[in-house]
Amino acid sequence: MASRSSPSAFPGAPADLVAVAIGGFEVILAWTECENGTLGFHVERAVCHSPCKSFLQIGKVGFHVAAFRDGSVTPRTTYRYRVHAWNALGESPSSNVAEVTTPDTEPSADQG
């Protein structure tokens, strides 16, 4: 098995994070990876019910994976996301914060 050499610097922060709600029950995240020996990414989320709660890690992905699916969201809720790269030396600063509000999943009264 090939091993990766030890990094000589902390990883760079992921950039250009975007979050898109897919219906009321799913959010897709995507970002740009900054190199420097990144081994993976930690994805964090804050639920915003006035005021926003603290960010908590909700998942992780390996290196060269710059997307994440959050299938644990609920309709009519605002979420904030951020991503950190990590390597053997530690974590990067966080990415920009992306905010998204999931839509209501019930049809409106004028449909039908």
Protein backbone atom coordinates (compact mmCIF):
# COMPACT_ATOMS: atom_id res chain seq x y z
CA MET A 1 0.00 0.00 0.00
CA ALA A 2 1.39 3.40 -0.96
CA SER A 3 1.60 5.95 1.81
CA ARG A 4 1.29 9.68 1.48
CA SER A 5 4.20 11.76 2.69
CA SER A 6 3.70 13.81 5.84
CA PRO A 7 2.40 17.29 5.14
CA SER A 8 4.68 20.24 5.79
CA ALA A 9 1.87 22.75 6.36
CA PHE A 10 -1.69 22.99 7.59
CA PRO A 11 -4.22 22.57 4.78
CA GLY A 12 -5.72 25.61 3.12
CA ALA A 13 -9.31 26.52 3.88
CA PRO A 14 -11.92 25.26 1.43
CA ALA A 15 -13.34 28.07 -0.71
CA ASP A 16 -16.56 28.99 -2.49
CA LEU A 17 -18.88 26.84 -0.34
CA VAL A 18 -22.45 26.77 -1.69
CA ALA A 19 -25.55 25.10 -0.24
CA VAL A 20 -28.66 24.25 -2.27
CA ALA A 21 -31.92 22.92 -0.83
CA ILE A 22 -33.38 20.01 -2.80
CA GLY A 23 -36.93 19.98 -1.55
CA GLY A 24 -37.56 20.22 2.17
CA PHE A 25 -35.51 17.20 3.22
CA GLU A 26 -32.12 17.48 1.51
CA VAL A 27 -29.30 20.00 1.13
CA ILE A 28 -26.38 19.55 -1.26
CA LEU A 29 -23.07 21.27 -0.45
CA ALA A 30 -20.17 21.88 -2.82
CA TRP A 31 -16.85 23.71 -2.38
CA THR A 32 -13.45 24.25 -3.95
CA GLU A 33 -10.59 22.24 -2.46
CA CYS A 34 -7.35 24.04 -1.61
CA GLU A 35 -4.36 21.68 -1.63
CA ASN A 36 -1.49 21.52 0.95
CA GLY A 37 -1.72 17.85 1.82
CA THR A 38 -5.43 17.72 2.59
CA LEU A 39 -6.55 14.29 3.78
CA GLY A 40 -10.27 15.08 4.00
CA PHE A 41 -12.96 17.51 5.06
CA HIS A 42 -15.18 17.94 8.11
CA VAL A 43 -18.65 19.34 7.43
CA GLU A 44 -20.35 21.41 10.14
CA ARG A 45 -23.92 22.71 10.42
CA ALA A 46 -25.72 25.21 12.63
CA VAL A 47 -29.52 25.26 12.90
CA CYS A 48 -30.91 28.78 12.94
CA HIS A 49 -34.02 29.06 15.08
CA SER A 50 -33.39 32.64 16.22
CA PRO A 51 -30.64 32.71 17.31
CA CYS A 52 -28.47 30.23 15.45
CA LYS A 53 -27.12 27.33 17.45
CA SER A 54 -23.41 26.44 17.56
CA PHE A 55 -21.82 24.62 14.63
CA LEU A 56 -21.64 20.84 15.08
CA GLN A 57 -19.86 18.34 12.86
CA ILE A 58 -22.39 16.35 10.81
CA GLY A 59 -20.09 14.41 8.53
CA LYS A 60 -16.78 14.01 6.79
CA VAL A 61 -15.49 13.09 3.35
CA GLY A 62 -12.12 12.04 2.00
CA PHE A 63 -9.62 14.06 0.02
CA HIS A 64 -10.60 15.11 -3.52
CA VAL A 65 -14.28 14.87 -2.51
CA ALA A 66 -15.68 18.40 -2.62
CA ALA A 67 -19.39 17.74 -2.07
CA PHE A 68 -21.67 16.50 0.69
CA ARG A 69 -25.34 15.52 0.92
CA ASP A 70 -27.18 16.42 4.13
CA GLY A 71 -30.30 14.28 4.27
CA SER A 72 -31.11 15.12 7.88
CA VAL A 73 -32.75 18.53 7.37
CA THR A 74 -36.39 19.47 7.88
CA PRO A 75 -38.70 21.77 5.89
CA ARG A 76 -39.02 25.50 6.66
CA THR A 77 -35.72 25.62 8.53
CA THR A 78 -32.63 27.78 8.01
CA TYR A 79 -29.23 26.11 8.19
CA ARG A 80 -25.70 27.45 8.05
CA TYR A 81 -22.82 25.27 6.86
CA ARG A 82 -19.04 25.50 6.88
CA VAL A 83 -16.26 23.08 5.96
CA HIS A 84 -12.73 22.51 7.32
CA ALA A 85 -9.94 20.65 5.54
CA TRP A 86 -7.70 18.47 7.70
CA ASN A 87 -4.36 16.68 7.49
CA ALA A 88 -1.87 15.14 9.93
CA LEU A 89 -0.95 18.58 11.32
CA GLY A 90 -4.52 19.67 12.07
CA GLU A 91 -7.49 21.56 10.67
CA SER A 92 -7.64 24.48 8.30
CA PRO A 93 -9.55 27.65 9.03
CA SER A 94 -13.21 27.27 8.08
CA SER A 95 -14.58 27.93 4.64
CA ASN A 96 -17.03 30.73 4.06
CA VAL A 97 -20.43 30.11 5.69
CA ALA A 98 -23.24 29.13 3.32
CA GLU A 99 -26.83 29.63 4.47
CA VAL A 100 -29.90 27.93 3.05
CA THR A 101 -33.57 27.71 4.04
CA THR A 102 -35.40 24.53 3.15
CA PRO A 103 -38.78 25.06 1.50
CA ASP A 104 -42.20 24.05 2.77
CA THR A 105 -43.14 20.68 1.30
CA GLU A 106 -46.91 21.13 1.51
CA PRO A 107 -48.72 22.35 -1.62
CA SER A 108 -50.06 25.89 -1.37
CA ALA A 109 -53.80 26.45 -0.87
CA ASP A 110 -54.29 27.83 -4.41
CA GLN A 111 -53.07 24.61 -6.06
CA GLY A 112 -55.46 21.91 -6.88
